[in-house]
Each structure stands twice: as C-alpha cells, then as structure tokens.
Amino acid sequence: MSKIGLIIEREYKTRVLKKSFLLLTFLSPILFAALIAVPLWLSRLDADTTKEIVVIDRSGLYADALPSDDIYHFTFVDADLNQARSSYGSLTGILLITGRLDQDGTAMVYSENQIDMETKSHIERLLGDYVEQQKINAYNIPDLQKILEDTQTRVSVSTIRWNEKGEEQKGSSELALIIGMVTAMIIYMFIVMYGGQVMSGVVQEKTSRIVEVIVSSVKPFQLMMGKIVGIALVGLTQVFLWVILTLILSVAATTLMGIEPSAAVEAQAIPQSTMDQGMSEIYSMLAGFNFVEMLIYFICYFLGGYLLYASLFAAVGSAVENETDTQQFSLPLTIPIIFAIYAAIYSAQNPDGPLAFWCSLIPFTSPVVMMVRLPFGVPFWQIALSIGILVLSFVLTTWMAGKIYRTGILMYGKKVTWAELWKWLKY
C-alpha cells in the first residue's frame, strides 16, 4: 500500500503542477462566467436599440394592430416596396400586408439581412391578437371577451411525497429532473475526461520506456491502481476548483456590470408577498429531497463508474504502441457510456420503465442512469442490487485489466489484436 501511495502522490503532483492544468483550471471558470454574464449584458444592450419597421398595409385594416414601443417603431406608408426601400434609410425591415389576414391576405417581411426570430415573433403576436379580437367582436355578443377570459383556466398540479415516517413533503418533478440530469452529466464528463487521461498517461509512459524502470520496483497492478486513483484525485480537485471559481466570477461579473437580482425584481415590479411565497415554495420543495442520501449515492456511483471505466482504459493504454492505435480498442468502451446518456434522457420521462430499470442495473450504464432515477424515488433493493453489481463488475474488470496490463505494459513492436488480448487474459 505504501508503494501505491507513492504512485498516487507522484501522479497527483505531476499533473496538478503542470502549466496546462493550471491554465485550464483557472481559465475555464472565466469562460463559464463569461457565458453567464455576457448574454445578460448583451440582452440589456438590445433593450436600448430601436428597430425601425415600415408597414405597407394594402388592406387598410391594421393601422391599430401594430403600436410602437421603446424597441419596435412601426411607420405606415402608402407606397410600393421599391419606393419604401429607397425613401427610408436604415431599416430593420418592410412589412407588407396584402389583404385580410383571416381570409386570403398574407403578411411578409422584406429585409436586407435575415430578420431575427424575436422581431418575427413580435409581429406575429401583435397581428394574431388583433385578428383574434376582430373575430370576437364580429359575433356581437355582449361581454364575450370577458366570458372568454373567465373560461381560460390554468390548472397547476402539486406533487406531495410521503417520507419514510409517513409525513407529507412537497416535491417537484421539474426539480427532480434537474438534479438527476446534472449529477448524471457530471459523472459522464468525469468518466470520459479522466478515463481518457488514464489511457493517455499509460501510453506516454510506455512510449518513453520509463515504465521499465518503474516496474522494477513495483508490481504492474500497483502501478495501474496508483495511476487510476491519482488521476481521480486530480479530477476531483479540478472540478471542485471549477465550481468555486465559477460561482465567484459569475457573482463578481454580474455585480460589476450592474446586473443585480434586486434590480431585476424592481424592473418586473414583483410584489414582496409574491416573492416571499415563491421562495417559501422553493424551500419546501428543496426540503422534500434528501440531499445527504443523494450525496452518498452520488459518491458511490461517481467512484464506481470511474474505477470501472478507468481500469479498462488503463488496459487499453497498455496494449497499444501509441495513442493513434487506441481508437480500435477505446471505441467499445465509449459506446456504452454514450448510450447511458440517451438512456438517462428517456429514463427521466419514465423513471420506473423497463429501460430505466435494466440500464440502472447494467454496470456500464448504471452510474449515469441511476442518478436520474434517484430523485424520483427508487426502492432500496434496486439501489443495493445496482451498487452490488457495480462493485463486483469493478473487481472483475480490474482483475482482467490487471492481467492485460501486466503483459502489455512491456510489450513492444507487435500489433495487438482482440485474439491476442484474450490470450493475455488466460495467462
């Protein structure tokens, strides 16, 4: 164990002190923060611009349908397209209405550049509401508008869960979906990114022949396990720093640009009582989830899935001569984890369906799919069976990977095939 500890320490320090690690660790949060703050800043700039739209209404019916505001300015003219285009300078577009829109008339927007979706949707909404109102007025029924407004009812269905004590707790299907998908994506990204680093590290050591010196002091299995655990700690460190730095930079950037939650609330004129009620509902929904239990299961599947795939990636790295040859053997390893993402998406819609059930038991997909199911509630026997199968699979794959690693780590000058790998397993 002391030798494995030395290998873990070597792998961790070697990778953490690299310039590439430091640059990626500290530059990535800046990029993430920019992705959050820049769209908010740009959205505020868009609100200060005015879009000039010339309207040619040949029906003469829609002068009141398109009111101007701070963003959209509509100008009605009596001209044809060429005259309007030459008479007016910088325009967002020219709206041509050929006749009654509820009959054979059409509405078309002409522009130099492709019109954006926001402008198109705004025009469609204004014209649609106006035509709908004209149809309602045509029935000449007193208070028909009020009757229609009274009949429009939105039904909201609340979800209540019983905990183990039989107490009622308010839940949220949307929140459960978000928690499940976020944790599943974290596990997926960790397996793909750092499992590949294990394979790349083995190939580099094998190519530089430094592994011949290392295995003279430690067993190949100890070297493989030390490398897997060391890179896992590197990944955990990087993810932890990403989360902390992204939050700090996001808050700092939005504060410096003057985008504060309080300002957004004031702009929307949300009553304080409504805010308090909304926050109370959010807290009650969060209280319905056992985050301690979720964290424990997340760590179990996080480590189990990584160790399962990392051992196989290490075996692949030991069996090839260079990183180019890894494509042949790594493809069968990446297909199950990619399929797990698709299975997780469909399992979120039906957490108790046969696809979700079986994929949460199969060890190559269970770390991702089970994390999607857990927020919706999974019987304990299924969780225990899934973790048990995952642990046994990890032990089996580690044993198999160790046999391949022991033989392949010192193999040079020979093209390895699947048949050759099978022979190594039987040695």
Protein backbone atom coordinates (compact mmCIF):
# COMPACT_ATOMS: atom_id res chain seq x y z
CA MET A 1 0.00 0.00 0.00
CA SER A 2 2.92 2.35 0.66
CA LYS A 3 4.10 1.87 -2.92
CA ILE A 4 0.62 2.60 -4.26
CA GLY A 5 0.56 5.72 -2.09
CA LEU A 6 3.84 6.90 -3.62
CA ILE A 7 2.47 6.34 -7.13
CA ILE A 8 -0.72 8.24 -6.25
CA GLU A 9 1.34 11.12 -4.89
CA ARG A 10 3.54 11.16 -8.00
CA GLU A 11 0.57 11.14 -10.38
CA TYR A 12 -1.22 13.85 -8.43
CA LYS A 13 1.71 16.25 -8.04
CA THR A 14 2.96 15.73 -11.59
CA ARG A 15 -0.40 16.63 -13.14
CA VAL A 16 -1.52 19.34 -10.73
CA LEU A 17 1.73 21.30 -11.08
CA LYS A 18 1.63 21.29 -14.89
CA LYS A 19 1.08 24.64 -16.58
CA SER A 20 -1.65 23.14 -18.74
CA PHE A 21 -3.57 22.06 -15.63
CA LEU A 22 -3.24 25.46 -14.01
CA LEU A 23 -4.26 27.30 -17.18
CA LEU A 24 -7.25 25.04 -17.81
CA THR A 25 -8.32 25.18 -14.17
CA PHE A 26 -8.26 28.97 -13.90
CA LEU A 27 -9.23 29.92 -17.46
CA SER A 28 -12.24 27.61 -17.71
CA PRO A 29 -14.16 29.36 -14.89
CA ILE A 30 -13.51 32.69 -16.64
CA LEU A 31 -15.06 31.23 -19.78
CA PHE A 32 -18.01 29.78 -17.83
CA ALA A 33 -18.56 33.10 -16.07
CA ALA A 34 -18.42 34.92 -19.40
CA LEU A 35 -21.03 32.55 -20.83
CA ILE A 36 -23.32 33.53 -17.96
CA ALA A 37 -22.63 37.26 -17.72
CA VAL A 38 -22.11 38.28 -21.36
CA PRO A 39 -25.58 37.17 -22.59
CA LEU A 40 -27.13 39.16 -19.72
CA TRP A 41 -25.09 42.20 -20.67
CA LEU A 42 -25.94 41.86 -24.36
CA SER A 43 -29.63 41.44 -23.57
CA ARG A 44 -29.54 44.80 -21.79
CA LEU A 45 -27.92 46.43 -24.83
CA ASP A 46 -30.63 45.06 -27.11
CA ALA A 47 -33.27 46.77 -24.97
CA ASP A 48 -31.74 50.20 -25.76
CA THR A 49 -31.91 49.80 -29.56
CA THR A 50 -34.94 50.68 -31.69
CA LYS A 51 -35.97 48.54 -34.63
CA GLU A 52 -37.48 50.57 -37.47
CA ILE A 53 -40.13 48.72 -39.46
CA VAL A 54 -42.02 50.29 -42.39
CA VAL A 55 -45.53 48.91 -42.89
CA ILE A 56 -47.31 48.83 -46.25
CA ASP A 57 -50.92 47.88 -45.46
CA ARG A 58 -52.81 47.43 -48.72
CA SER A 59 -55.93 46.32 -46.83
CA GLY A 60 -56.04 49.44 -44.67
CA LEU A 61 -57.32 47.39 -41.74
CA TYR A 62 -54.34 47.06 -39.44
CA ALA A 63 -53.29 50.61 -38.55
CA ASP A 64 -54.18 49.95 -34.92
CA ALA A 65 -52.73 46.45 -34.81
CA LEU A 66 -49.06 47.47 -34.65
CA PRO A 67 -48.44 50.02 -31.87
CA SER A 68 -44.90 51.32 -31.48
CA ASP A 69 -42.95 50.97 -28.26
CA ASP A 70 -39.42 51.56 -26.99
CA ILE A 71 -37.99 48.70 -29.04
CA TYR A 72 -40.18 48.42 -32.14
CA HIS A 73 -41.19 51.51 -34.15
CA PHE A 74 -43.78 50.93 -36.91
CA THR A 75 -44.25 53.53 -39.68
CA PHE A 76 -47.25 53.13 -42.02
CA VAL A 77 -46.68 54.41 -45.56
CA ASP A 78 -48.66 54.46 -48.78
CA ALA A 79 -46.06 53.29 -51.28
CA ASP A 80 -44.79 50.22 -53.05
CA LEU A 81 -41.80 48.15 -51.98
CA ASN A 82 -39.21 49.88 -54.17
CA GLN A 83 -40.31 53.35 -53.09
CA ALA A 84 -40.28 52.40 -49.41
CA ARG A 85 -36.86 50.82 -49.76
CA SER A 86 -35.34 53.86 -51.46
CA SER A 87 -37.11 56.51 -49.36
CA TYR A 88 -36.09 55.19 -45.95
CA GLY A 89 -32.54 54.63 -44.85
CA SER A 90 -31.58 52.16 -42.17
CA LEU A 91 -34.49 49.78 -41.71
CA THR A 92 -34.96 46.53 -39.86
CA GLY A 93 -37.49 45.50 -42.45
CA ILE A 94 -40.56 46.33 -44.55
CA LEU A 95 -43.81 44.61 -43.57
CA LEU A 96 -46.19 44.08 -46.50
CA ILE A 97 -49.81 43.15 -45.74
CA THR A 98 -51.66 42.19 -48.94
CA GLY A 99 -55.22 41.82 -47.58
CA ARG A 100 -57.38 40.49 -44.77
CA LEU A 101 -55.23 38.11 -42.75
CA ASP A 102 -58.22 35.96 -41.74
CA GLN A 103 -59.04 35.31 -45.39
CA ASP A 104 -56.63 35.29 -48.34
CA GLY A 105 -54.30 38.04 -47.20
CA THR A 106 -50.65 37.45 -46.29
CA ALA A 107 -48.03 39.26 -44.24
CA MET A 108 -44.44 39.29 -45.45
CA VAL A 109 -41.33 40.99 -44.09
CA TYR A 110 -38.67 42.16 -46.55
CA SER A 111 -35.18 42.99 -45.27
CA GLU A 112 -31.58 43.26 -46.36
CA ASN A 113 -30.46 40.82 -43.69
CA GLN A 114 -32.37 37.84 -42.37
CA ILE A 115 -34.95 39.03 -39.84
CA ASP A 116 -34.36 37.76 -36.31
CA MET A 117 -36.79 35.41 -34.59
CA GLU A 118 -37.66 37.88 -31.82
CA THR A 119 -38.85 40.53 -34.30
CA LYS A 120 -40.75 37.97 -36.36
CA SER A 121 -42.48 36.57 -33.27
CA HIS A 122 -43.39 40.08 -32.04
CA ILE A 123 -45.08 40.98 -35.34
CA GLU A 124 -46.91 37.65 -35.48
CA ARG A 125 -48.16 38.07 -31.93
CA LEU A 126 -49.46 41.61 -32.50
CA LEU A 127 -51.24 40.74 -35.74
CA GLY A 128 -52.59 37.46 -34.33
CA ASP A 129 -54.03 39.13 -31.24
CA TYR A 130 -55.63 41.88 -33.34
CA VAL A 131 -57.24 39.45 -35.80
CA GLU A 132 -58.48 37.30 -32.94
CA GLN A 133 -60.03 40.33 -31.25
CA GLN A 134 -61.74 41.37 -34.51
CA LYS A 135 -63.26 37.91 -34.86
CA ILE A 136 -64.57 38.06 -31.30
CA ASN A 137 -66.13 41.48 -31.93
CA ALA A 138 -67.78 40.19 -35.12
CA TYR A 139 -70.04 37.88 -33.10
CA ASN A 140 -71.59 40.98 -31.48
CA ILE A 141 -72.22 39.16 -28.20
CA PRO A 142 -72.20 41.40 -25.10
CA ASP A 143 -69.25 40.76 -22.77
CA LEU A 144 -67.95 37.94 -24.99
CA GLN A 145 -64.35 38.96 -24.34
CA LYS A 146 -64.88 38.80 -20.59
CA ILE A 147 -66.59 35.41 -20.92
CA LEU A 148 -63.62 34.02 -22.84
CA GLU A 149 -61.16 35.41 -20.33
CA ASP A 150 -63.14 33.86 -17.47
CA THR A 151 -63.10 30.46 -19.16
CA GLN A 152 -59.31 30.44 -19.54
CA THR A 153 -58.08 28.50 -16.54
CA ARG A 154 -54.62 27.20 -15.81
CA VAL A 155 -54.54 24.17 -13.57
CA SER A 156 -51.40 23.58 -11.50
CA VAL A 157 -50.86 20.13 -10.06
CA SER A 158 -48.74 19.95 -6.90
CA THR A 159 -46.77 16.84 -6.04
CA ILE A 160 -46.71 15.59 -2.45
CA ARG A 161 -44.44 12.78 -1.27
CA TRP A 162 -44.68 10.60 1.81
CA ASN A 163 -41.35 10.11 3.54
CA GLU A 164 -40.31 7.04 5.50
CA LYS A 165 -42.18 8.33 8.57
CA GLY A 166 -45.36 8.87 6.62
CA GLU A 167 -45.06 12.65 6.74
CA GLU A 168 -46.13 14.74 3.76
CA GLN A 169 -43.47 16.73 1.91
CA LYS A 170 -43.91 18.92 -1.12
CA GLY A 171 -41.94 17.74 -4.13
CA SER A 172 -41.23 18.93 -7.66
CA SER A 173 -40.91 16.79 -10.76
CA GLU A 174 -39.01 19.59 -12.50
CA LEU A 175 -36.51 19.92 -9.65
CA ALA A 176 -36.03 16.16 -9.53
CA LEU A 177 -35.33 16.15 -13.26
CA ILE A 178 -32.76 18.95 -12.95
CA ILE A 179 -30.95 17.32 -10.03
CA GLY A 180 -30.87 13.94 -11.76
CA MET A 181 -29.62 15.21 -15.11
CA VAL A 182 -26.96 17.48 -13.59
CA THR A 183 -25.46 14.71 -11.45
CA ALA A 184 -25.64 12.26 -14.37
CA MET A 185 -23.81 14.70 -16.67
CA ILE A 186 -21.10 15.30 -14.05
CA ILE A 187 -20.42 11.55 -13.80
CA TYR A 188 -20.45 11.20 -17.60
CA MET A 189 -17.98 14.06 -18.11
CA PHE A 190 -15.70 12.81 -15.34
CA ILE A 191 -15.54 9.28 -16.77
CA VAL A 192 -14.85 10.44 -20.34
CA MET A 193 -12.31 13.16 -19.47
CA TYR A 194 -10.26 11.47 -16.79
CA GLY A 195 -10.65 7.91 -18.05
CA GLY A 196 -9.02 9.15 -21.24
CA GLN A 197 -6.25 10.74 -19.18
CA VAL A 198 -5.50 7.36 -17.58
CA MET A 199 -5.17 5.76 -21.01
CA SER A 200 -3.07 8.64 -22.35
CA GLY A 201 -0.76 8.54 -19.31
CA VAL A 202 -0.13 4.80 -19.71
CA VAL A 203 0.62 5.19 -23.41
CA GLN A 204 3.08 8.04 -22.77
CA GLU A 205 4.98 6.11 -20.10
CA LYS A 206 5.09 3.04 -22.31
CA THR A 207 6.35 5.02 -25.30
CA SER A 208 9.09 6.76 -23.30
CA ARG A 209 10.18 3.42 -21.77
CA ILE A 210 10.11 4.95 -18.29
CA VAL A 211 7.69 2.20 -17.28
CA GLU A 212 10.53 -0.33 -17.48
CA VAL A 213 12.25 1.47 -14.61
CA ILE A 214 9.06 1.82 -12.58
CA VAL A 215 8.01 -1.85 -12.77
CA SER A 216 11.43 -2.89 -11.50
CA SER A 217 10.35 -1.52 -8.10
CA VAL A 218 6.57 -2.05 -8.05
CA LYS A 219 4.19 -4.60 -9.44
CA PRO A 220 2.28 -3.68 -12.61
CA PHE A 221 -1.04 -3.95 -10.73
CA GLN A 222 0.18 -1.50 -8.09
CA LEU A 223 1.27 0.90 -10.84
CA MET A 224 -2.13 0.67 -12.54
CA MET A 225 -4.12 1.25 -9.34
CA GLY A 226 -1.90 4.13 -8.25
CA LYS A 227 -2.33 5.82 -11.62
CA ILE A 228 -6.13 5.37 -11.57
CA VAL A 229 -6.58 6.74 -8.03
CA GLY A 230 -4.08 9.58 -8.53
CA ILE A 231 -5.83 10.87 -11.67
CA ALA A 232 -9.18 10.54 -9.89
CA LEU A 233 -7.92 12.90 -7.18
CA VAL A 234 -6.69 15.30 -9.87
CA GLY A 235 -10.15 15.31 -11.42
CA LEU A 236 -11.88 15.89 -8.11
CA THR A 237 -9.55 18.81 -7.38
CA GLN A 238 -10.19 20.39 -10.76
CA VAL A 239 -13.97 20.01 -10.60
CA PHE A 240 -14.05 21.46 -7.07
CA LEU A 241 -11.98 24.49 -8.13
CA TRP A 242 -14.15 24.96 -11.23
CA VAL A 243 -17.33 25.12 -9.17
CA ILE A 244 -15.92 27.56 -6.60
CA LEU A 245 -14.22 29.87 -9.11
CA THR A 246 -17.20 29.89 -11.50
CA LEU A 247 -19.55 30.99 -8.72
CA ILE A 248 -17.17 33.71 -7.54
CA LEU A 249 -16.54 35.07 -11.02
CA SER A 250 -20.22 34.95 -12.01
CA VAL A 251 -21.25 36.99 -8.97
CA ALA A 252 -18.36 39.44 -9.47
CA ALA A 253 -19.05 39.93 -13.19
CA THR A 254 -22.80 40.48 -12.79
CA THR A 255 -22.16 42.91 -9.91
CA LEU A 256 -19.61 44.95 -11.88
CA MET A 257 -21.99 45.22 -14.83
CA GLY A 258 -24.81 46.32 -12.55
CA ILE A 259 -26.94 43.25 -13.16
CA GLU A 260 -28.30 42.52 -9.71
CA PRO A 261 -31.26 40.34 -8.74
CA SER A 262 -32.82 43.24 -6.83
CA ALA A 263 -32.76 45.42 -9.94
CA ALA A 264 -34.41 42.70 -11.99
CA VAL A 265 -37.10 42.32 -9.37
CA GLU A 266 -37.77 46.06 -9.28
CA ALA A 267 -37.97 46.22 -13.07
CA GLN A 268 -40.57 43.49 -13.12
CA ALA A 269 -42.50 45.10 -10.25
CA ILE A 270 -42.94 41.81 -8.42
CA PRO A 271 -44.76 42.29 -5.10
CA GLN A 272 -42.79 41.35 -2.00
CA SER A 273 -45.55 38.99 -0.87
CA THR A 274 -45.34 37.11 -4.16
CA MET A 275 -41.56 36.84 -3.79
CA ASP A 276 -41.85 35.52 -0.26
CA GLN A 277 -44.43 32.97 -1.31
CA GLY A 278 -42.28 31.84 -4.23
CA MET A 279 -39.19 31.47 -2.06
CA SER A 280 -41.21 29.57 0.52
CA GLU A 281 -42.38 27.13 -2.15
CA ILE A 282 -38.83 26.64 -3.38
CA TYR A 283 -37.56 25.94 0.13
CA SER A 284 -40.38 23.49 0.75
CA MET A 285 -39.61 21.66 -2.50
CA LEU A 286 -35.90 21.51 -1.66
CA ALA A 287 -36.78 20.15 1.78
CA GLY A 288 -38.59 17.29 0.07
CA PHE A 289 -35.28 15.91 -1.22
CA ASN A 290 -32.82 14.06 0.97
CA PHE A 291 -29.62 15.68 -0.26
CA VAL A 292 -27.43 13.78 2.20
CA GLU A 293 -28.68 10.50 0.79
CA MET A 294 -28.25 11.82 -2.77
CA LEU A 295 -24.67 12.86 -1.98
CA ILE A 296 -23.81 9.42 -0.61
CA TYR A 297 -25.24 7.64 -3.64
CA PHE A 298 -23.55 10.15 -5.94
CA ILE A 299 -20.14 9.40 -4.43
CA CYS A 300 -20.77 5.64 -4.71
CA TYR A 301 -21.74 5.78 -8.38
CA PHE A 302 -19.19 8.50 -9.10
CA LEU A 303 -16.30 6.37 -7.84
CA GLY A 304 -17.73 3.06 -9.03
CA GLY A 305 -18.28 4.26 -12.59
CA TYR A 306 -14.90 5.93 -12.83
CA LEU A 307 -12.98 2.95 -11.41
CA LEU A 308 -14.84 0.58 -13.74
CA TYR A 309 -14.01 2.50 -16.89
CA ALA A 310 -10.57 3.76 -15.79
CA SER A 311 -9.29 0.22 -15.28
CA LEU A 312 -10.41 -0.69 -18.80
CA PHE A 313 -8.87 2.46 -20.26
CA ALA A 314 -5.61 1.61 -18.48
CA ALA A 315 -5.68 -1.87 -20.03
CA VAL A 316 -6.21 -0.36 -23.49
CA GLY A 317 -3.30 2.04 -22.97
CA SER A 318 -1.01 -0.80 -22.01
CA ALA A 319 -1.95 -2.87 -25.06
CA VAL A 320 -1.15 -0.33 -27.81
CA GLU A 321 2.04 1.25 -29.11
CA ASN A 322 0.81 4.85 -29.48
CA GLU A 323 -2.28 6.97 -28.96
CA THR A 324 -3.34 6.57 -32.59
CA ASP A 325 -3.91 2.85 -32.04
CA THR A 326 -6.19 3.46 -29.07
CA GLN A 327 -9.18 4.18 -31.35
CA GLN A 328 -9.61 0.50 -32.18
CA PHE A 329 -9.93 -0.59 -28.54
CA SER A 330 -11.42 2.51 -26.89
CA LEU A 331 -14.49 2.67 -29.15
CA PRO A 332 -16.19 -0.34 -27.49
CA LEU A 333 -15.64 1.39 -24.13
CA THR A 334 -17.11 4.75 -25.15
CA ILE A 335 -20.25 3.35 -26.82
CA PRO A 336 -21.85 2.16 -23.52
CA ILE A 337 -21.26 5.47 -21.73
CA ILE A 338 -22.68 7.43 -24.68
CA PHE A 339 -25.70 5.10 -24.73
CA ALA A 340 -26.08 5.74 -21.00
CA ILE A 341 -26.74 9.44 -21.68
CA TYR A 342 -29.52 8.64 -24.16
CA ALA A 343 -30.97 6.11 -21.74
CA ALA A 344 -30.84 8.71 -18.95
CA ILE A 345 -32.79 11.23 -21.05
CA TYR A 346 -35.59 8.74 -21.73
CA SER A 347 -35.45 7.41 -18.17
CA ALA A 348 -36.13 10.91 -16.85
CA GLN A 349 -39.52 10.76 -18.59
CA ASN A 350 -40.33 7.30 -17.23
CA PRO A 351 -38.08 6.54 -14.21
CA ASP A 352 -39.81 3.22 -13.48
CA GLY A 353 -39.93 1.95 -17.05
CA PRO A 354 -38.11 -1.18 -18.26
CA LEU A 355 -35.37 0.84 -19.98
CA ALA A 356 -34.62 2.79 -16.80
CA PHE A 357 -34.77 -0.34 -14.63
CA TRP A 358 -32.40 -2.50 -16.65
CA CYS A 359 -29.97 0.30 -17.51
CA SER A 360 -29.73 1.17 -13.80
CA LEU A 361 -28.59 -2.42 -13.11
CA ILE A 362 -26.16 -2.87 -16.00
CA PRO A 363 -22.81 -1.67 -14.57
CA PHE A 364 -21.69 0.13 -17.73
CA THR A 365 -24.77 2.40 -17.68
CA SER A 366 -25.93 2.34 -14.04
CA PRO A 367 -23.70 5.23 -12.77
CA VAL A 368 -25.46 7.63 -15.15
CA VAL A 369 -29.00 6.22 -15.36
CA MET A 370 -29.44 5.55 -11.65
CA MET A 371 -28.57 9.15 -10.78
CA VAL A 372 -31.51 10.27 -12.94
CA ARG A 373 -33.87 7.85 -11.20
CA LEU A 374 -32.82 8.54 -7.59
CA PRO A 375 -34.55 11.95 -7.18
CA PHE A 376 -37.86 10.34 -8.21
CA GLY A 377 -37.56 7.60 -5.57
CA VAL A 378 -36.10 4.13 -6.14
CA PRO A 379 -36.73 1.04 -3.96
CA PHE A 380 -33.74 0.30 -1.75
CA TRP A 381 -33.37 -3.25 -3.05
CA GLN A 382 -32.82 -1.91 -6.57
CA ILE A 383 -30.18 0.52 -5.32
CA ALA A 384 -28.41 -2.18 -3.30
CA LEU A 385 -28.52 -4.61 -6.23
CA SER A 386 -27.23 -1.93 -8.62
CA ILE A 387 -24.32 -0.94 -6.36
CA GLY A 388 -23.51 -4.59 -5.66
CA ILE A 389 -23.36 -5.42 -9.36
CA LEU A 390 -21.25 -2.30 -9.99
CA VAL A 391 -18.74 -3.27 -7.27
CA LEU A 392 -18.48 -6.85 -8.48
CA SER A 393 -18.06 -5.63 -12.06
CA PHE A 394 -15.32 -3.24 -10.96
CA VAL A 395 -13.48 -6.07 -9.18
CA LEU A 396 -13.82 -8.29 -12.27
CA THR A 397 -12.74 -5.62 -14.76
CA THR A 398 -9.83 -4.61 -12.52
CA TRP A 399 -8.67 -8.22 -12.40
CA MET A 400 -8.98 -8.54 -16.19
CA ALA A 401 -7.34 -5.18 -16.78
CA GLY A 402 -4.52 -6.15 -14.40
CA LYS A 403 -3.74 -9.28 -16.42
CA ILE A 404 -3.73 -7.32 -19.69
CA TYR A 405 -1.73 -4.50 -18.12
CA ARG A 406 0.87 -6.89 -16.67
CA THR A 407 1.60 -8.37 -20.09
CA GLY A 408 1.03 -5.39 -22.35
CA ILE A 409 2.94 -2.76 -20.38
CA LEU A 410 6.28 -4.24 -21.53
CA MET A 411 5.13 -5.39 -24.99
CA TYR A 412 6.78 -3.55 -27.88
CA GLY A 413 6.91 -3.91 -31.65
CA LYS A 414 3.85 -6.15 -32.00
CA LYS A 415 0.43 -5.27 -33.35
CA VAL A 416 -2.06 -6.32 -30.69
CA THR A 417 -5.40 -7.85 -31.74
CA TRP A 418 -8.51 -8.88 -29.83
CA ALA A 419 -7.39 -12.51 -30.08
CA GLU A 420 -4.04 -11.56 -28.54
CA LEU A 421 -5.80 -9.80 -25.63
CA TRP A 422 -7.83 -12.95 -24.99
CA LYS A 423 -4.60 -14.96 -24.75
CA TRP A 424 -3.22 -12.50 -22.20
CA LEU A 425 -6.32 -12.96 -20.05
CA LYS A 426 -5.69 -16.72 -19.94
CA TYR A 427 -2.02 -16.45 -18.97
